[in-house]
Amino acid sequence: MADAVIETAARADPSDDATLCGSSARYQLDPRRITQAELDWAEQVLARTGGKVESHADGVGDDYKAALYKRLAAAGSPIEVEQMCLAIGDTALVSFPGELFTEIGMRIKAESPFARTHIIGLANGCIGYVPTREAISQGGYEVDTRRAADESADVVVEQSLALLRIVSTSSC
């Protein structure tokens, strides 16, 4: 790897804009709202299992999801998010403290003011999965175990793009 860095540095044009700029933002996402039907289901599962959560080799079982639904229903507090953006020239790195579905990252990249934008997930914390609305309608492991509200993808895109715009217009 060192050889590749040395070779790249030798080819670099010193007139290239290599200014480093950065900023960060903090905001909140609404928590997932557990429906009464989900809560009733969770109560039934926990009554049957005695509240014990068994480990599974291939994912999580109903016992895990039921315990999660009970915690989410009881918590109700907003989810704190911190994002950072660093840019070097026309390349930006945007962090996110969780796992965004691919379509969300692709939208951020497509609307970014930078020529190249990279999303760095699981940075500055771990709030879990943030799926698209379409994925929520389809269900699945990530959707079932998420903590964030249905509209979180739109908020994350809006906040990420605002952060990218701030960095792109700053005079570092």
N, C-alpha and C. Protein backbone atom coordinates (compact mmCIF):
# COMPACT_ATOMS: atom_id res chain seq x y z
N MET A 1 0.83 -1.18 0.00
CA MET A 1 0.00 0.00 0.00
C MET A 1 0.88 1.25 0.00
N ALA A 2 1.96 1.21 0.73
CA ALA A 2 2.86 2.36 0.78
C ALA A 2 3.37 2.70 -0.61
N ASP A 3 3.70 1.67 -1.41
CA ASP A 3 4.16 1.91 -2.78
C ASP A 3 3.10 2.63 -3.60
N ALA A 4 1.84 2.24 -3.43
CA ALA A 4 0.75 2.87 -4.17
C ALA A 4 0.60 4.34 -3.77
N VAL A 5 0.77 4.64 -2.50
CA VAL A 5 0.68 6.02 -2.03
C VAL A 5 1.83 6.85 -2.60
N ILE A 6 3.03 6.30 -2.58
CA ILE A 6 4.20 7.00 -3.11
C ILE A 6 4.02 7.26 -4.61
N GLU A 7 3.55 6.26 -5.34
CA GLU A 7 3.33 6.41 -6.78
C GLU A 7 2.27 7.47 -7.07
N THR A 8 1.18 7.45 -6.32
CA THR A 8 0.11 8.44 -6.50
C THR A 8 0.60 9.84 -6.17
N ALA A 9 1.36 9.97 -5.09
CA ALA A 9 1.89 11.29 -4.69
C ALA A 9 2.82 11.84 -5.76
N ALA A 10 3.59 10.97 -6.40
CA ALA A 10 4.52 11.41 -7.43
C ALA A 10 3.78 11.95 -8.65
N ARG A 11 2.60 11.42 -8.93
CA ARG A 11 1.80 11.87 -10.08
C ARG A 11 0.93 13.07 -9.75
N ALA A 12 0.80 13.43 -8.48
CA ALA A 12 -0.12 14.49 -8.07
C ALA A 12 0.31 15.83 -8.65
N ASP A 13 -0.66 16.59 -9.05
CA ASP A 13 -0.44 17.93 -9.56
C ASP A 13 -0.51 18.90 -8.38
N PRO A 14 0.58 19.59 -8.05
CA PRO A 14 0.56 20.48 -6.89
C PRO A 14 -0.44 21.62 -7.02
N SER A 15 -0.93 21.88 -8.22
CA SER A 15 -1.92 22.95 -8.39
C SER A 15 -3.34 22.46 -8.09
N ASP A 16 -3.51 21.14 -7.87
CA ASP A 16 -4.83 20.61 -7.51
C ASP A 16 -5.29 21.22 -6.19
N ASP A 17 -6.60 21.44 -6.10
CA ASP A 17 -7.18 21.96 -4.86
C ASP A 17 -7.25 20.84 -3.84
N ALA A 18 -6.38 20.88 -2.86
CA ALA A 18 -6.36 19.85 -1.84
C ALA A 18 -6.71 20.45 -0.48
N THR A 19 -7.52 21.48 -0.50
CA THR A 19 -7.93 22.12 0.74
C THR A 19 -8.82 21.17 1.53
N LEU A 20 -8.55 21.05 2.82
CA LEU A 20 -9.36 20.22 3.70
C LEU A 20 -10.37 21.09 4.42
N CYS A 21 -11.63 20.76 4.28
CA CYS A 21 -12.71 21.48 4.95
C CYS A 21 -13.55 20.47 5.71
N GLY A 22 -14.21 20.93 6.74
CA GLY A 22 -15.06 20.02 7.48
C GLY A 22 -16.08 20.74 8.33
N SER A 23 -17.08 20.00 8.71
CA SER A 23 -18.12 20.52 9.60
C SER A 23 -18.86 19.33 10.18
N SER A 24 -19.68 19.60 11.16
CA SER A 24 -20.49 18.54 11.75
C SER A 24 -21.87 19.09 12.07
N ALA A 25 -22.79 18.18 12.27
CA ALA A 25 -24.16 18.57 12.61
C ALA A 25 -24.74 17.55 13.58
N ARG A 26 -25.56 18.05 14.46
CA ARG A 26 -26.28 17.20 15.39
C ARG A 26 -27.77 17.45 15.18
N TYR A 27 -28.53 16.37 15.19
CA TYR A 27 -29.98 16.48 15.06
C TYR A 27 -30.61 15.24 15.67
N GLN A 28 -31.92 15.19 15.65
CA GLN A 28 -32.63 14.07 16.23
C GLN A 28 -33.54 13.42 15.19
N LEU A 29 -33.65 12.11 15.30
CA LEU A 29 -34.63 11.36 14.52
C LEU A 29 -35.73 10.91 15.47
N ASP A 30 -36.94 10.92 14.98
CA ASP A 30 -38.04 10.40 15.79
C ASP A 30 -37.87 8.90 15.96
N PRO A 31 -38.26 8.40 17.11
CA PRO A 31 -38.18 6.94 17.31
C PRO A 31 -39.30 6.23 16.56
N ARG A 32 -39.07 4.99 16.30
CA ARG A 32 -40.08 4.15 15.66
C ARG A 32 -41.31 4.07 16.57
N ARG A 33 -42.47 4.17 15.97
CA ARG A 33 -43.71 4.06 16.72
C ARG A 33 -44.22 2.62 16.62
N ILE A 34 -44.31 1.98 17.75
CA ILE A 34 -44.79 0.60 17.80
C ILE A 34 -46.32 0.64 17.87
N THR A 35 -46.97 -0.07 16.97
CA THR A 35 -48.43 -0.09 16.94
C THR A 35 -48.98 -0.94 18.08
N GLN A 36 -50.24 -0.77 18.35
CA GLN A 36 -50.88 -1.59 19.39
C GLN A 36 -50.85 -3.06 18.98
N ALA A 37 -51.03 -3.33 17.69
CA ALA A 37 -50.98 -4.72 17.22
C ALA A 37 -49.60 -5.33 17.44
N GLU A 38 -48.54 -4.55 17.18
CA GLU A 38 -47.17 -5.05 17.42
C GLU A 38 -46.94 -5.27 18.91
N LEU A 39 -47.45 -4.37 19.72
CA LEU A 39 -47.28 -4.49 21.17
C LEU A 39 -48.04 -5.71 21.70
N ASP A 40 -49.26 -5.94 21.20
CA ASP A 40 -50.04 -7.11 21.61
C ASP A 40 -49.30 -8.40 21.23
N TRP A 41 -48.77 -8.42 20.02
CA TRP A 41 -48.00 -9.58 19.55
C TRP A 41 -46.79 -9.81 20.46
N ALA A 42 -46.08 -8.72 20.80
CA ALA A 42 -44.90 -8.83 21.66
C ALA A 42 -45.27 -9.39 23.02
N GLU A 43 -46.38 -8.93 23.57
CA GLU A 43 -46.83 -9.44 24.87
C GLU A 43 -47.10 -10.94 24.81
N GLN A 44 -47.72 -11.39 23.73
CA GLN A 44 -48.02 -12.82 23.58
C GLN A 44 -46.72 -13.64 23.48
N VAL A 45 -45.78 -13.16 22.70
CA VAL A 45 -44.51 -13.87 22.55
C VAL A 45 -43.76 -13.93 23.88
N LEU A 46 -43.69 -12.81 24.57
CA LEU A 46 -42.96 -12.76 25.84
C LEU A 46 -43.65 -13.60 26.91
N ALA A 47 -44.97 -13.67 26.87
CA ALA A 47 -45.68 -14.53 27.83
C ALA A 47 -45.35 -16.00 27.56
N ARG A 48 -45.24 -16.34 26.29
CA ARG A 48 -44.94 -17.72 25.90
C ARG A 48 -43.50 -18.10 26.22
N THR A 49 -42.56 -17.15 26.07
CA THR A 49 -41.14 -17.45 26.27
C THR A 49 -40.65 -17.10 27.67
N GLY A 50 -41.51 -16.48 28.45
CA GLY A 50 -41.09 -16.06 29.78
C GLY A 50 -40.11 -14.89 29.74
N GLY A 51 -40.03 -14.22 28.60
CA GLY A 51 -39.15 -13.06 28.46
C GLY A 51 -37.71 -13.41 28.13
N LYS A 52 -37.42 -14.69 28.02
CA LYS A 52 -36.05 -15.13 27.74
C LYS A 52 -35.80 -15.03 26.22
N VAL A 53 -34.67 -14.45 25.87
CA VAL A 53 -34.28 -14.31 24.47
C VAL A 53 -33.22 -15.35 24.16
N GLU A 54 -33.51 -16.21 23.23
CA GLU A 54 -32.59 -17.28 22.80
C GLU A 54 -31.72 -16.76 21.66
N SER A 55 -30.49 -17.22 21.59
CA SER A 55 -29.63 -16.86 20.46
C SER A 55 -29.94 -17.77 19.28
N HIS A 56 -29.78 -17.22 18.09
CA HIS A 56 -30.03 -17.94 16.84
C HIS A 56 -28.82 -17.81 15.94
N ALA A 57 -28.46 -18.86 15.27
CA ALA A 57 -27.29 -18.83 14.38
C ALA A 57 -27.56 -18.01 13.12
N ASP A 58 -28.81 -17.87 12.74
CA ASP A 58 -29.12 -17.23 11.46
C ASP A 58 -30.02 -16.01 11.62
N GLY A 59 -29.78 -15.19 12.61
CA GLY A 59 -30.56 -13.97 12.77
C GLY A 59 -31.16 -13.88 14.16
N VAL A 60 -32.31 -13.24 14.25
CA VAL A 60 -32.97 -13.08 15.53
C VAL A 60 -34.35 -13.71 15.47
N GLY A 61 -34.80 -14.18 16.60
CA GLY A 61 -36.11 -14.81 16.67
C GLY A 61 -37.18 -13.83 17.12
N ASP A 62 -38.41 -14.35 17.18
CA ASP A 62 -39.53 -13.53 17.62
C ASP A 62 -39.32 -13.02 19.04
N ASP A 63 -38.64 -13.81 19.88
CA ASP A 63 -38.41 -13.39 21.26
C ASP A 63 -37.58 -12.11 21.32
N TYR A 64 -36.56 -12.01 20.47
CA TYR A 64 -35.74 -10.80 20.42
C TYR A 64 -36.56 -9.61 19.94
N LYS A 65 -37.31 -9.81 18.85
CA LYS A 65 -38.12 -8.71 18.30
C LYS A 65 -39.18 -8.27 19.30
N ALA A 66 -39.78 -9.23 20.02
CA ALA A 66 -40.81 -8.88 21.00
C ALA A 66 -40.22 -8.02 22.12
N ALA A 67 -39.05 -8.41 22.62
CA ALA A 67 -38.40 -7.63 23.67
C ALA A 67 -38.03 -6.23 23.15
N LEU A 68 -37.56 -6.16 21.91
CA LEU A 68 -37.23 -4.87 21.30
C LEU A 68 -38.48 -3.99 21.19
N TYR A 69 -39.58 -4.55 20.72
CA TYR A 69 -40.82 -3.78 20.57
C TYR A 69 -41.27 -3.21 21.92
N LYS A 70 -41.14 -4.00 22.97
CA LYS A 70 -41.52 -3.52 24.31
C LYS A 70 -40.62 -2.36 24.72
N ARG A 71 -39.32 -2.48 24.49
CA ARG A 71 -38.39 -1.39 24.83
C ARG A 71 -38.69 -0.14 24.02
N LEU A 72 -38.94 -0.31 22.73
CA LEU A 72 -39.22 0.84 21.88
C LEU A 72 -40.52 1.52 22.29
N ALA A 73 -41.52 0.74 22.61
CA ALA A 73 -42.81 1.31 23.02
C ALA A 73 -42.67 2.09 24.33
N ALA A 74 -41.81 1.62 25.22
CA ALA A 74 -41.62 2.28 26.51
C ALA A 74 -40.72 3.51 26.40
N ALA A 75 -39.76 3.48 25.49
CA ALA A 75 -38.75 4.55 25.42
C ALA A 75 -39.35 5.84 24.87
N GLY A 76 -39.65 5.87 23.59
CA GLY A 76 -40.28 7.03 22.97
C GLY A 76 -39.43 8.27 22.86
N SER A 77 -38.17 8.24 23.27
CA SER A 77 -37.34 9.44 23.20
C SER A 77 -36.65 9.54 21.84
N PRO A 78 -36.37 10.76 21.39
CA PRO A 78 -35.71 10.95 20.10
C PRO A 78 -34.33 10.28 20.06
N ILE A 79 -33.90 9.98 18.87
CA ILE A 79 -32.60 9.35 18.66
C ILE A 79 -31.61 10.44 18.27
N GLU A 80 -30.55 10.57 19.04
CA GLU A 80 -29.53 11.59 18.79
C GLU A 80 -28.61 11.14 17.65
N VAL A 81 -28.36 12.04 16.73
CA VAL A 81 -27.51 11.75 15.57
C VAL A 81 -26.44 12.82 15.46
N GLU A 82 -25.21 12.40 15.24
CA GLU A 82 -24.13 13.32 14.92
C GLU A 82 -23.52 12.88 13.60
N GLN A 83 -23.43 13.79 12.66
CA GLN A 83 -22.78 13.52 11.38
C GLN A 83 -21.63 14.48 11.20
N MET A 84 -20.60 13.99 10.53
CA MET A 84 -19.45 14.81 10.18
C MET A 84 -19.25 14.76 8.67
N CYS A 85 -18.71 15.83 8.14
CA CYS A 85 -18.37 15.86 6.72
C CYS A 85 -16.97 16.45 6.59
N LEU A 86 -16.11 15.73 5.89
CA LEU A 86 -14.78 16.21 5.56
C LEU A 86 -14.67 16.22 4.05
N ALA A 87 -14.09 17.27 3.52
CA ALA A 87 -13.91 17.35 2.07
C ALA A 87 -12.48 17.74 1.76
N ILE A 88 -11.94 17.08 0.76
CA ILE A 88 -10.63 17.41 0.22
C ILE A 88 -10.86 17.65 -1.26
N GLY A 89 -10.74 18.91 -1.64
CA GLY A 89 -11.01 19.24 -3.04
C GLY A 89 -12.45 18.90 -3.41
N ASP A 90 -12.63 18.07 -4.43
CA ASP A 90 -13.98 17.74 -4.90
C ASP A 90 -14.48 16.39 -4.37
N THR A 91 -13.85 15.91 -3.30
CA THR A 91 -14.25 14.64 -2.69
C THR A 91 -14.71 14.88 -1.25
N ALA A 92 -15.89 14.35 -0.92
CA ALA A 92 -16.43 14.52 0.42
C ALA A 92 -16.65 13.16 1.08
N LEU A 93 -16.43 13.14 2.37
CA LEU A 93 -16.71 11.97 3.20
C LEU A 93 -17.77 12.40 4.21
N VAL A 94 -18.90 11.69 4.24
CA VAL A 94 -19.98 12.01 5.17
C VAL A 94 -20.19 10.81 6.08
N SER A 95 -20.14 11.05 7.38
CA SER A 95 -20.35 9.96 8.32
C SER A 95 -21.82 9.83 8.67
N PHE A 96 -22.19 8.62 9.13
CA PHE A 96 -23.53 8.40 9.67
C PHE A 96 -23.43 7.32 10.74
N PRO A 97 -24.05 7.54 11.91
CA PRO A 97 -23.93 6.58 13.01
C PRO A 97 -24.92 5.43 12.94
N GLY A 98 -24.97 4.77 11.83
CA GLY A 98 -25.88 3.64 11.66
C GLY A 98 -25.68 3.05 10.28
N GLU A 99 -26.66 2.26 9.87
CA GLU A 99 -26.58 1.60 8.57
C GLU A 99 -27.73 2.08 7.69
N LEU A 100 -27.37 2.88 6.68
CA LEU A 100 -28.33 3.39 5.72
C LEU A 100 -28.55 2.36 4.62
N PHE A 101 -29.78 2.23 4.17
CA PHE A 101 -30.04 1.39 3.01
C PHE A 101 -29.35 2.02 1.80
N THR A 102 -28.94 1.20 0.87
CA THR A 102 -28.17 1.63 -0.29
C THR A 102 -28.83 2.79 -1.03
N GLU A 103 -30.13 2.72 -1.21
CA GLU A 103 -30.85 3.75 -1.97
C GLU A 103 -30.71 5.13 -1.31
N ILE A 104 -30.61 5.17 0.00
CA ILE A 104 -30.45 6.44 0.70
C ILE A 104 -29.07 7.03 0.40
N GLY A 105 -28.04 6.21 0.50
CA GLY A 105 -26.69 6.67 0.18
C GLY A 105 -26.57 7.10 -1.27
N MET A 106 -27.21 6.35 -2.17
CA MET A 106 -27.17 6.72 -3.59
C MET A 106 -27.84 8.07 -3.84
N ARG A 107 -28.93 8.35 -3.13
CA ARG A 107 -29.61 9.63 -3.30
C ARG A 107 -28.72 10.77 -2.79
N ILE A 108 -28.08 10.56 -1.63
CA ILE A 108 -27.18 11.59 -1.10
C ILE A 108 -26.06 11.86 -2.08
N LYS A 109 -25.47 10.81 -2.63
CA LYS A 109 -24.38 10.97 -3.59
C LYS A 109 -24.85 11.70 -4.85
N ALA A 110 -26.03 11.34 -5.35
CA ALA A 110 -26.55 11.94 -6.58
C ALA A 110 -26.83 13.43 -6.42
N GLU A 111 -27.23 13.86 -5.22
CA GLU A 111 -27.60 15.26 -5.00
C GLU A 111 -26.49 16.06 -4.32
N SER A 112 -25.38 15.42 -4.04
CA SER A 112 -24.26 16.10 -3.38
C SER A 112 -23.64 17.15 -4.30
N PRO A 113 -23.18 18.27 -3.73
CA PRO A 113 -22.49 19.27 -4.55
C PRO A 113 -21.05 18.87 -4.91
N PHE A 114 -20.58 17.74 -4.40
CA PHE A 114 -19.22 17.29 -4.67
C PHE A 114 -19.20 16.28 -5.81
N ALA A 115 -18.11 16.24 -6.55
CA ALA A 115 -17.97 15.29 -7.65
C ALA A 115 -17.97 13.85 -7.13
N ARG A 116 -17.33 13.65 -5.99
CA ARG A 116 -17.29 12.32 -5.37
C ARG A 116 -17.70 12.45 -3.91
N THR A 117 -18.68 11.65 -3.52
CA THR A 117 -19.16 11.65 -2.14
C THR A 117 -19.18 10.22 -1.65
N HIS A 118 -18.62 10.00 -0.46
CA HIS A 118 -18.57 8.67 0.14
C HIS A 118 -19.27 8.72 1.49
N ILE A 119 -20.14 7.75 1.73
CA ILE A 119 -20.85 7.64 2.99
C ILE A 119 -20.09 6.65 3.88
N ILE A 120 -19.81 7.07 5.10
CA ILE A 120 -19.11 6.21 6.06
C ILE A 120 -20.11 5.86 7.16
N GLY A 121 -20.60 4.64 7.12
CA GLY A 121 -21.59 4.21 8.10
C GLY A 121 -20.96 3.73 9.39
N LEU A 122 -21.81 3.63 10.40
CA LEU A 122 -21.39 3.18 11.73
C LEU A 122 -20.27 4.05 12.29
N ALA A 123 -20.34 5.35 12.03
CA ALA A 123 -19.36 6.31 12.52
C ALA A 123 -20.02 7.23 13.53
N ASN A 124 -19.39 7.47 14.65
CA ASN A 124 -19.91 8.30 15.74
C ASN A 124 -21.13 7.69 16.41
N GLY A 125 -21.16 6.39 16.50
CA GLY A 125 -22.26 5.72 17.20
C GLY A 125 -22.91 4.66 16.34
N CYS A 126 -23.99 4.10 16.89
CA CYS A 126 -24.73 3.08 16.15
C CYS A 126 -26.21 3.17 16.53
N ILE A 127 -26.99 3.77 15.66
CA ILE A 127 -28.43 3.89 15.91
C ILE A 127 -29.21 2.79 15.21
N GLY A 128 -28.52 1.89 14.54
CA GLY A 128 -29.18 0.79 13.85
C GLY A 128 -29.46 1.11 12.39
N TYR A 129 -30.42 0.38 11.85
CA TYR A 129 -30.75 0.50 10.44
C TYR A 129 -31.69 1.67 10.17
N VAL A 130 -31.48 2.31 9.00
CA VAL A 130 -32.41 3.31 8.50
C VAL A 130 -32.81 2.86 7.10
N PRO A 131 -33.99 2.24 7.00
CA PRO A 131 -34.46 1.75 5.70
C PRO A 131 -35.26 2.81 4.94
N THR A 132 -35.48 2.55 3.68
CA THR A 132 -36.35 3.39 2.87
C THR A 132 -37.81 3.06 3.21
N ARG A 133 -38.72 3.94 2.81
CA ARG A 133 -40.15 3.66 3.02
C ARG A 133 -40.57 2.41 2.25
N GLU A 134 -40.01 2.25 1.05
CA GLU A 134 -40.34 1.07 0.25
C GLU A 134 -39.92 -0.20 0.99
N ALA A 135 -38.73 -0.20 1.55
CA ALA A 135 -38.25 -1.37 2.29
C ALA A 135 -39.13 -1.63 3.52
N ILE A 136 -39.57 -0.57 4.17
CA ILE A 136 -40.44 -0.74 5.34
C ILE A 136 -41.72 -1.46 4.93
N SER A 137 -42.23 -1.13 3.76
CA SER A 137 -43.47 -1.80 3.30
C SER A 137 -43.24 -3.26 2.96
N GLN A 138 -41.99 -3.63 2.71
CA GLN A 138 -41.67 -5.02 2.34
C GLN A 138 -41.29 -5.87 3.54
N GLY A 139 -40.87 -5.24 4.64
CA GLY A 139 -40.50 -5.98 5.84
C GLY A 139 -39.11 -6.59 5.73
N GLY A 140 -38.77 -7.42 6.69
CA GLY A 140 -37.46 -8.08 6.73
C GLY A 140 -36.71 -7.75 7.99
N TYR A 141 -35.59 -8.40 8.17
CA TYR A 141 -34.80 -8.28 9.40
C TYR A 141 -34.47 -6.84 9.76
N GLU A 142 -33.89 -6.09 8.83
CA GLU A 142 -33.47 -4.73 9.12
C GLU A 142 -34.65 -3.84 9.48
N VAL A 143 -35.75 -4.02 8.77
CA VAL A 143 -36.96 -3.25 9.03
C VAL A 143 -37.53 -3.62 10.40
N ASP A 144 -37.59 -4.91 10.68
CA ASP A 144 -38.16 -5.38 11.95
C ASP A 144 -37.35 -4.93 13.16
N THR A 145 -36.04 -4.78 13.01
CA THR A 145 -35.19 -4.47 14.16
C THR A 145 -34.74 -3.01 14.21
N ARG A 146 -35.28 -2.17 13.38
CA ARG A 146 -34.89 -0.75 13.36
C ARG A 146 -35.46 -0.01 14.56
N ARG A 147 -34.78 1.06 14.93
CA ARG A 147 -35.23 1.93 16.02
C ARG A 147 -35.82 3.23 15.50
N ALA A 148 -35.49 3.62 14.29
CA ALA A 148 -35.87 4.92 13.75
C ALA A 148 -37.24 4.88 13.07
N ALA A 149 -37.92 6.02 13.11
CA ALA A 149 -39.26 6.17 12.54
C ALA A 149 -39.25 6.01 11.02
N ASP A 150 -40.43 5.80 10.47
CA ASP A 150 -40.59 5.56 9.03
C ASP A 150 -40.00 6.69 8.18
N GLU A 151 -40.13 7.93 8.63
CA GLU A 151 -39.69 9.08 7.84
C GLU A 151 -38.21 9.41 8.00
N SER A 152 -37.48 8.59 8.74
CA SER A 152 -36.08 8.90 9.05
C SER A 152 -35.19 9.01 7.81
N ALA A 153 -35.43 8.21 6.79
CA ALA A 153 -34.60 8.28 5.58
C ALA A 153 -34.64 9.68 4.97
N ASP A 154 -35.83 10.27 4.90
CA ASP A 154 -35.96 11.62 4.34
C ASP A 154 -35.21 12.65 5.18
N VAL A 155 -35.28 12.52 6.49
CA VAL A 155 -34.57 13.44 7.39
C VAL A 155 -33.07 13.30 7.21
N VAL A 156 -32.58 12.07 7.13
CA VAL A 156 -31.14 11.83 6.97
C VAL A 156 -30.64 12.41 5.65
N VAL A 157 -31.39 12.23 4.58
CA VAL A 157 -30.99 12.79 3.27
C VAL A 157 -30.93 14.31 3.37
N GLU A 158 -31.97 14.91 3.92
CA GLU A 158 -32.03 16.37 4.05
C GLU A 158 -30.86 16.90 4.89
N GLN A 159 -30.60 16.28 6.02
CA GLN A 159 -29.53 16.73 6.90
C GLN A 159 -28.15 16.50 6.28
N SER A 160 -27.97 15.38 5.61
CA SER A 160 -26.69 15.08 4.97
C SER A 160 -26.39 16.08 3.86
N LEU A 161 -27.40 16.38 3.04
CA LEU A 161 -27.20 17.33 1.95
C LEU A 161 -26.95 18.74 2.49
N ALA A 162 -27.61 19.12 3.57
CA ALA A 162 -27.36 20.43 4.18
C ALA A 162 -25.91 20.51 4.66
N LEU A 163 -25.43 19.45 5.28
CA LEU A 163 -24.05 19.41 5.76
C LEU A 163 -23.07 19.48 4.60
N LEU A 164 -23.34 18.74 3.54
CA LEU A 164 -22.48 18.79 2.35
C LEU A 164 -22.45 20.19 1.74
N ARG A 165 -23.61 20.86 1.69
CA ARG A 165 -23.65 22.22 1.14
C ARG A 165 -22.86 23.19 2.01
N ILE A 166 -22.96 23.04 3.33
CA ILE A 166 -22.19 23.91 4.22
C ILE A 166 -20.69 23.77 3.95
N VAL A 167 -20.24 22.54 3.85
CA VAL A 167 -18.81 22.30 3.62
C VAL A 167 -18.39 22.78 2.23
N SER A 168 -19.26 22.61 1.24
CA SER A 168 -18.90 23.00 -0.13
C SER A 168 -18.79 24.51 -0.30
N THR A 169 -19.48 25.25 0.55
CA THR A 169 -19.46 26.72 0.42
C THR A 169 -18.56 27.38 1.47
N SER A 170 -17.93 26.59 2.33
CA SER A 170 -17.08 27.19 3.36
C SER A 170 -15.74 27.61 2.74
N SER A 171 -15.12 28.58 3.37
CA SER A 171 -13.82 29.06 2.88
C SER A 171 -12.74 28.60 3.85
N CYS A 172 -12.50 27.33 3.88
CA CYS A 172 -11.55 26.72 4.83
C CYS A 172 -10.17 27.27 4.67
